N, C-alpha and C. Protein backbone atom coordinates (compact mmCIF):
# COMPACT_ATOMS: atom_id res chain seq x y z
N MET A 1 273.00 10.87 80.21
CA MET A 1 271.99 9.98 79.25
C MET A 1 272.98 9.24 78.09
N LEU A 2 273.17 7.49 78.27
CA LEU A 2 273.56 6.77 77.27
C LEU A 2 273.92 7.01 75.82
N ASP A 3 274.75 6.70 75.26
CA ASP A 3 275.09 6.96 74.20
C ASP A 3 274.89 5.31 73.45
N LEU A 4 274.10 4.83 73.06
CA LEU A 4 273.94 3.39 72.85
C LEU A 4 272.50 3.55 71.07
N GLU A 5 273.48 2.54 70.22
CA GLU A 5 272.98 2.51 69.34
C GLU A 5 272.25 0.87 69.02
N VAL A 6 270.65 1.59 69.04
CA VAL A 6 270.05 0.55 69.12
C VAL A 6 269.29 0.12 68.20
N PRO A 7 269.68 -1.46 66.82
CA PRO A 7 268.68 -1.53 66.44
C PRO A 7 267.29 -2.02 66.85
N SER A 8 266.49 -2.30 65.70
CA SER A 8 265.07 -2.20 65.60
C SER A 8 264.55 -3.60 66.12
N LEU A 9 263.88 -3.83 66.75
CA LEU A 9 263.64 -5.73 67.03
C LEU A 9 262.52 -6.05 66.11
N PRO A 10 262.79 -7.20 65.04
CA PRO A 10 261.67 -7.65 64.74
C PRO A 10 260.53 -7.90 65.09
N SER A 11 259.55 -8.06 64.90
CA SER A 11 257.99 -7.92 65.44
C SER A 11 258.24 -9.67 65.20
N SER A 12 256.86 -10.20 66.37
CA SER A 12 257.23 -11.98 66.24
C SER A 12 256.88 -12.44 65.43
N ALA A 13 256.32 -11.55 64.36
CA ALA A 13 255.26 -12.13 63.19
C ALA A 13 256.56 -11.98 61.90
N GLU A 14 257.77 -11.68 62.39
CA GLU A 14 258.71 -11.69 61.30
C GLU A 14 259.81 -12.71 62.01
N THR A 15 259.75 -13.58 62.76
CA THR A 15 260.84 -14.45 62.98
C THR A 15 260.29 -15.65 63.52
N SER A 16 260.86 -16.73 63.84
CA SER A 16 260.34 -17.93 64.22
C SER A 16 260.56 -18.15 65.61
N ASP A 17 262.10 -17.21 66.10
CA ASP A 17 262.74 -17.36 66.99
C ASP A 17 261.88 -16.82 67.89
N PRO A 18 261.28 -17.33 69.30
CA PRO A 18 260.65 -16.79 70.46
C PRO A 18 261.98 -15.40 70.84
N ILE A 19 263.30 -15.35 70.89
CA ILE A 19 263.97 -14.86 71.56
C ILE A 19 265.25 -14.62 70.56
N SER A 20 264.77 -13.55 69.49
CA SER A 20 265.37 -12.96 68.61
C SER A 20 265.62 -11.68 69.02
N VAL A 21 266.40 -11.29 69.83
CA VAL A 21 266.82 -10.36 70.47
C VAL A 21 268.24 -9.58 69.50
N PRO A 22 268.27 -7.92 69.20
CA PRO A 22 269.33 -7.79 68.39
C PRO A 22 270.60 -7.84 69.44
N SER A 23 271.46 -7.60 68.65
CA SER A 23 272.49 -7.27 70.06
C SER A 23 272.91 -5.71 69.78
N VAL A 24 273.09 -5.02 70.74
CA VAL A 24 273.40 -3.65 71.08
C VAL A 24 275.34 -3.05 70.66
N ALA A 25 275.08 -2.33 69.80
CA ALA A 25 276.16 -1.80 69.55
C ALA A 25 276.52 -1.12 70.83
N ARG A 26 277.33 -0.97 71.28
CA ARG A 26 278.07 -0.11 71.94
C ARG A 26 278.92 1.69 71.48
N SER A 27 278.71 2.78 71.86
CA SER A 27 279.51 3.92 71.35
C SER A 27 280.42 3.88 72.11
N SER A 28 281.79 4.48 71.33
CA SER A 28 283.11 4.55 71.92
C SER A 28 283.03 6.03 72.90
N ALA A 29 281.84 6.39 73.20
CA ALA A 29 281.93 7.91 73.73
C ALA A 29 281.49 7.39 75.00
N ALA A 30 282.00 8.42 76.07
CA ALA A 30 281.66 8.42 77.56
C ALA A 30 280.39 8.14 77.80
N VAL A 31 280.66 7.27 78.81
CA VAL A 31 278.50 7.19 78.97
C VAL A 31 278.55 7.97 80.53
N ASP A 32 277.36 8.90 80.32
CA ASP A 32 277.18 9.91 81.72
C ASP A 32 277.28 8.93 82.70
N ALA A 33 276.00 8.00 82.87
CA ALA A 33 275.80 7.20 84.30
C ALA A 33 277.43 6.54 84.17
N PRO A 34 277.66 6.89 85.73
CA PRO A 34 278.34 5.74 86.19
C PRO A 34 277.96 4.36 86.40
N GLU A 35 279.15 3.35 86.60
CA GLU A 35 278.40 2.06 87.10
C GLU A 35 278.16 2.10 88.39
N THR A 36 277.38 1.51 88.55
CA THR A 36 276.68 1.32 90.22
C THR A 36 277.38 0.15 90.88
N GLY A 37 277.69 -0.96 90.24
CA GLY A 37 278.25 -2.19 90.58
C GLY A 37 277.43 -2.86 91.23
N ALA A 38 276.03 -2.76 91.07
CA ALA A 38 275.62 -3.53 91.68
C ALA A 38 274.65 -5.14 91.24
N THR A 39 274.41 -5.89 91.89
CA THR A 39 274.58 -7.48 90.79
C THR A 39 273.06 -8.04 90.91
N PHE A 40 272.81 -8.37 89.76
CA PHE A 40 271.58 -8.65 89.95
C PHE A 40 271.66 -10.10 88.95
N VAL A 41 270.42 -10.93 89.08
CA VAL A 41 270.62 -12.38 88.27
C VAL A 41 268.82 -12.09 87.79
N LEU A 42 269.00 -13.00 86.33
CA LEU A 42 267.93 -12.70 85.37
C LEU A 42 267.52 -13.82 85.43
N SER A 43 266.62 -14.52 85.32
CA SER A 43 265.63 -15.95 85.52
C SER A 43 264.53 -15.60 84.83
N PRO A 44 264.09 -17.04 84.35
CA PRO A 44 262.64 -16.96 83.49
C PRO A 44 261.55 -16.29 84.54
N GLY A 45 261.06 -15.46 83.72
CA GLY A 45 259.79 -14.58 84.42
C GLY A 45 260.05 -13.50 85.64
N ALA A 46 261.12 -13.41 85.14
CA ALA A 46 261.90 -12.08 86.07
C ALA A 46 261.06 -10.39 85.56
N ARG A 47 260.53 -9.63 86.75
CA ARG A 47 260.47 -8.71 86.71
C ARG A 47 261.30 -8.15 86.54
N VAL A 48 261.09 -6.79 85.54
CA VAL A 48 262.59 -6.19 85.23
C VAL A 48 261.40 -4.83 84.73
N VAL A 49 262.34 -3.27 86.05
CA VAL A 49 261.02 -2.00 85.67
C VAL A 49 262.61 -1.31 85.19
N PHE A 50 261.69 -0.22 84.73
CA PHE A 50 262.73 1.05 83.78
C PHE A 50 261.57 2.11 84.25
N THR A 51 262.56 3.36 84.84
CA THR A 51 263.13 4.50 85.08
C THR A 51 263.63 5.39 83.91
N GLY A 52 262.87 6.84 84.36
CA GLY A 52 263.69 7.49 83.90
C GLY A 52 263.70 7.69 82.07
N ALA A 53 264.62 8.38 81.31
CA ALA A 53 264.98 8.78 79.87
C ALA A 53 265.68 7.74 79.54
N LEU A 54 265.61 6.49 79.45
CA LEU A 54 266.59 5.45 78.43
C LEU A 54 266.88 5.91 77.24
N SER A 55 268.02 5.73 76.78
CA SER A 55 267.94 5.23 75.21
C SER A 55 267.11 4.67 74.05
N ARG A 56 266.66 3.76 75.09
CA ARG A 56 265.15 2.77 74.20
C ARG A 56 263.88 3.39 74.48
N GLU A 57 262.98 3.43 73.85
CA GLU A 57 261.62 4.09 74.28
C GLU A 57 260.89 2.80 75.56
N ARG A 58 260.41 2.99 76.47
CA ARG A 58 259.84 2.16 77.54
C ARG A 58 259.12 0.97 76.75
N ALA A 59 258.55 1.50 75.79
CA ALA A 59 257.39 0.32 75.07
C ALA A 59 258.39 -0.91 74.00
N GLU A 60 259.11 -0.40 73.98
CA GLU A 60 260.23 -1.29 73.01
C GLU A 60 260.95 -2.10 73.79
N TRP A 61 261.39 -1.34 75.23
CA TRP A 61 262.27 -2.20 76.12
C TRP A 61 261.49 -3.60 76.54
N ALA A 62 260.06 -2.69 76.92
CA ALA A 62 258.74 -4.09 77.34
C ALA A 62 258.93 -5.19 76.29
N GLN A 63 258.85 -5.04 75.26
CA GLN A 63 258.55 -5.47 73.85
C GLN A 63 259.81 -6.46 74.00
N THR A 64 260.90 -6.10 74.04
CA THR A 64 262.02 -6.87 73.85
C THR A 64 262.26 -7.89 74.79
N ILE A 65 261.97 -7.56 76.54
CA ILE A 65 262.42 -8.24 77.86
C ILE A 65 260.96 -9.11 77.45
N ALA A 66 259.97 -9.31 76.93
CA ALA A 66 259.15 -10.06 77.03
C ALA A 66 259.32 -11.10 76.25
N GLU A 67 260.05 -10.68 74.70
CA GLU A 67 260.24 -11.94 73.79
C GLU A 67 261.48 -12.68 74.42
N ALA A 68 261.91 -12.04 75.46
CA ALA A 68 263.10 -13.13 76.46
C ALA A 68 262.54 -13.75 77.48
N GLY A 69 260.84 -13.81 77.79
CA GLY A 69 260.28 -13.91 78.97
C GLY A 69 260.06 -13.58 80.12
N PHE A 70 260.40 -12.23 80.33
CA PHE A 70 260.56 -11.06 81.35
C PHE A 70 259.06 -10.91 81.34
N THR A 71 258.90 -10.12 82.84
CA THR A 71 257.61 -9.01 82.60
C THR A 71 258.05 -7.76 83.52
N THR A 72 257.11 -6.81 82.92
CA THR A 72 257.74 -5.24 83.79
C THR A 72 256.48 -4.78 83.95
N GLY A 73 256.38 -3.62 84.54
CA GLY A 73 255.32 -2.54 85.13
C GLY A 73 255.87 -2.29 86.42
N SER A 74 255.62 -2.22 87.89
CA SER A 74 255.46 -1.13 88.84
C SER A 74 256.49 -1.90 89.17
N VAL A 75 256.95 -1.72 90.16
CA VAL A 75 258.29 -2.02 91.29
C VAL A 75 257.54 -2.93 92.36
N THR A 76 257.74 -4.11 92.26
CA THR A 76 256.80 -4.82 93.30
C THR A 76 258.47 -5.31 94.29
N LYS A 77 258.18 -6.25 95.40
CA LYS A 77 259.36 -6.76 96.22
C LYS A 77 259.46 -8.03 95.61
N ASN A 78 259.17 -8.61 94.27
CA ASN A 78 259.57 -9.51 93.40
C ASN A 78 260.45 -9.17 92.69
N CYS A 79 260.85 -7.86 92.27
CA CYS A 79 261.67 -7.62 91.17
C CYS A 79 262.90 -7.73 91.31
N ALA A 80 263.36 -8.17 89.68
CA ALA A 80 264.53 -8.81 89.67
C ALA A 80 265.42 -7.46 90.12
N VAL A 81 265.50 -6.56 89.22
CA VAL A 81 266.28 -4.95 89.35
C VAL A 81 265.49 -3.79 88.55
N LEU A 82 266.10 -2.56 88.77
CA LEU A 82 265.29 -1.45 88.39
C LEU A 82 266.36 -0.93 87.28
N VAL A 83 266.51 -0.63 86.65
CA VAL A 83 266.73 0.14 85.59
C VAL A 83 266.57 1.20 85.61
N ALA A 84 267.60 2.75 85.52
CA ALA A 84 267.17 3.67 85.96
C ALA A 84 268.23 4.58 85.06
N ALA A 85 267.47 5.47 84.33
CA ALA A 85 268.73 6.43 83.38
C ALA A 85 269.61 7.43 84.63
N ASP A 86 269.29 7.22 85.52
CA ASP A 86 269.70 8.00 86.72
C ASP A 86 269.75 6.57 87.93
N PRO A 87 271.22 6.68 88.38
CA PRO A 87 270.74 5.29 89.39
C PRO A 87 270.35 5.66 90.82
N ALA A 88 270.65 7.28 90.47
CA ALA A 88 270.77 7.69 92.02
C ALA A 88 269.61 8.52 91.93
N THR A 89 268.83 8.43 91.37
CA THR A 89 267.62 8.81 90.80
C THR A 89 266.05 8.38 92.48
N GLN A 90 265.88 9.87 92.72
CA GLN A 90 264.45 9.75 94.10
C GLN A 90 263.79 9.63 93.44
N SER A 91 262.83 9.06 92.38
CA SER A 91 261.34 9.25 91.99
C SER A 91 261.29 7.85 93.01
N GLY A 92 259.79 7.64 92.91
CA GLY A 92 259.21 7.17 93.62
C GLY A 92 259.66 5.20 93.26
N LYS A 93 259.84 4.51 92.23
CA LYS A 93 260.08 3.66 91.27
C LYS A 93 261.53 3.43 92.48
N ALA A 94 262.18 4.28 92.80
CA ALA A 94 263.74 3.64 93.14
C ALA A 94 263.55 3.97 94.58
N LYS A 95 262.47 4.49 95.02
CA LYS A 95 262.57 4.07 96.88
C LYS A 95 261.60 3.17 96.54
N THR A 96 260.58 3.07 96.09
CA THR A 96 260.44 1.39 96.50
C THR A 96 261.38 0.52 96.43
N ALA A 97 262.04 0.36 95.56
CA ALA A 97 263.00 -0.71 94.90
C ALA A 97 264.50 -0.83 96.16
N ALA A 98 264.76 0.32 96.56
CA ALA A 98 265.79 0.80 97.89
C ALA A 98 264.59 0.10 99.12
N LYS A 99 263.82 0.09 99.00
CA LYS A 99 263.08 -0.26 100.58
C LYS A 99 262.83 -2.06 100.50
N HIS A 100 262.73 -2.65 99.22
CA HIS A 100 262.88 -4.08 99.19
C HIS A 100 264.15 -4.13 98.63
N GLY A 101 265.02 -3.55 98.99
CA GLY A 101 266.31 -4.42 98.51
C GLY A 101 266.68 -4.76 96.97
N ILE A 102 265.90 -4.04 95.71
CA ILE A 102 266.03 -4.48 94.77
C ILE A 102 267.22 -3.48 94.14
N PRO A 103 267.89 -4.14 93.41
CA PRO A 103 269.34 -3.69 93.04
C PRO A 103 268.68 -2.21 91.89
N ILE A 104 269.12 -1.70 91.80
CA ILE A 104 269.03 -0.16 90.87
C ILE A 104 270.17 -0.13 89.97
N VAL A 105 269.91 -0.32 88.83
CA VAL A 105 271.32 -0.37 87.51
C VAL A 105 271.08 0.51 86.49
N THR A 106 272.25 0.86 85.85
CA THR A 106 272.04 1.85 84.76
C THR A 106 271.55 0.47 83.43
N GLU A 107 271.43 1.70 82.76
CA GLU A 107 270.98 0.87 81.22
C GLU A 107 272.36 0.26 80.42
N ALA A 108 273.21 0.57 80.48
CA ALA A 108 274.59 -0.55 80.39
C ALA A 108 274.45 -1.65 81.04
N GLU A 109 274.93 -1.33 82.45
CA GLU A 109 275.00 -2.22 82.98
C GLU A 109 273.64 -3.74 82.78
N PHE A 110 272.35 -2.98 83.19
CA PHE A 110 271.31 -4.16 82.23
C PHE A 110 271.35 -4.98 81.08
N VAL A 111 271.96 -3.83 79.97
CA VAL A 111 272.36 -4.56 78.58
C VAL A 111 273.19 -5.06 78.75
N ARG A 112 274.35 -5.66 79.86
CA ARG A 112 275.16 -6.67 79.62
C ARG A 112 275.04 -7.99 80.02
N VAL A 113 274.22 -7.58 81.19
CA VAL A 113 273.09 -9.14 81.93
C VAL A 113 272.57 -9.66 80.82
N PHE A 114 271.47 -8.53 80.55
CA PHE A 114 270.75 -9.31 79.51
C PHE A 114 271.12 -10.34 78.01
N GLU A 115 271.98 -9.27 77.57
CA GLU A 115 272.53 -9.75 76.31
C GLU A 115 273.37 -11.22 76.99
N ALA A 116 273.41 -11.46 78.09
CA ALA A 116 274.72 -12.91 78.14
C ALA A 116 273.23 -13.81 78.23
N TYR A 117 272.51 -13.28 78.96
CA TYR A 117 271.27 -14.38 79.79
C TYR A 117 270.45 -14.48 78.21
N VAL A 118 270.07 -13.60 77.59
CA VAL A 118 269.54 -14.02 76.23
C VAL A 118 270.82 -15.33 75.42
N ALA A 119 271.86 -14.72 75.08
CA ALA A 119 273.12 -15.89 74.17
C ALA A 119 272.93 -16.76 75.40
N GLY A 120 272.81 -16.90 76.72
CA GLY A 120 272.75 -18.26 77.42
C GLY A 120 271.49 -19.35 77.14
N ILE A 121 270.59 -18.87 76.70
CA ILE A 121 269.34 -19.36 76.40
C ILE A 121 269.70 -19.83 75.03
N ALA A 122 270.16 -19.00 73.98
CA ALA A 122 270.11 -19.59 72.31
C ALA A 122 271.45 -20.59 72.69
N ALA A 123 271.83 -20.44 73.26
CA ALA A 123 273.27 -21.35 73.09
C ALA A 123 272.52 -23.23 73.08
């Protein structure tokens, strides 16, 4: 399990900024999931799918990525990335992702790329 402290995200009614995504504070504790080294690119409208028990509830992730202009749902051949609690999982989502060549990454890896993407839009 990843040890991340995640502040709550303000609702759209609380902010006029459409991409008001808080920074995620990382704990200095060791992360159980190994880095995958997989690379992926986030672009406007990208589909990001989640599997497994992550540090944030799936509904919270869905809201956060929707505010950044991404979609979620099931794995399709057009997914940008599958974020997995265990990147070695053999879940149905992981099998479909592997079949389509979609990178499977840890939550920590996704957070780094996602934060960089959001920072780039805000700049």
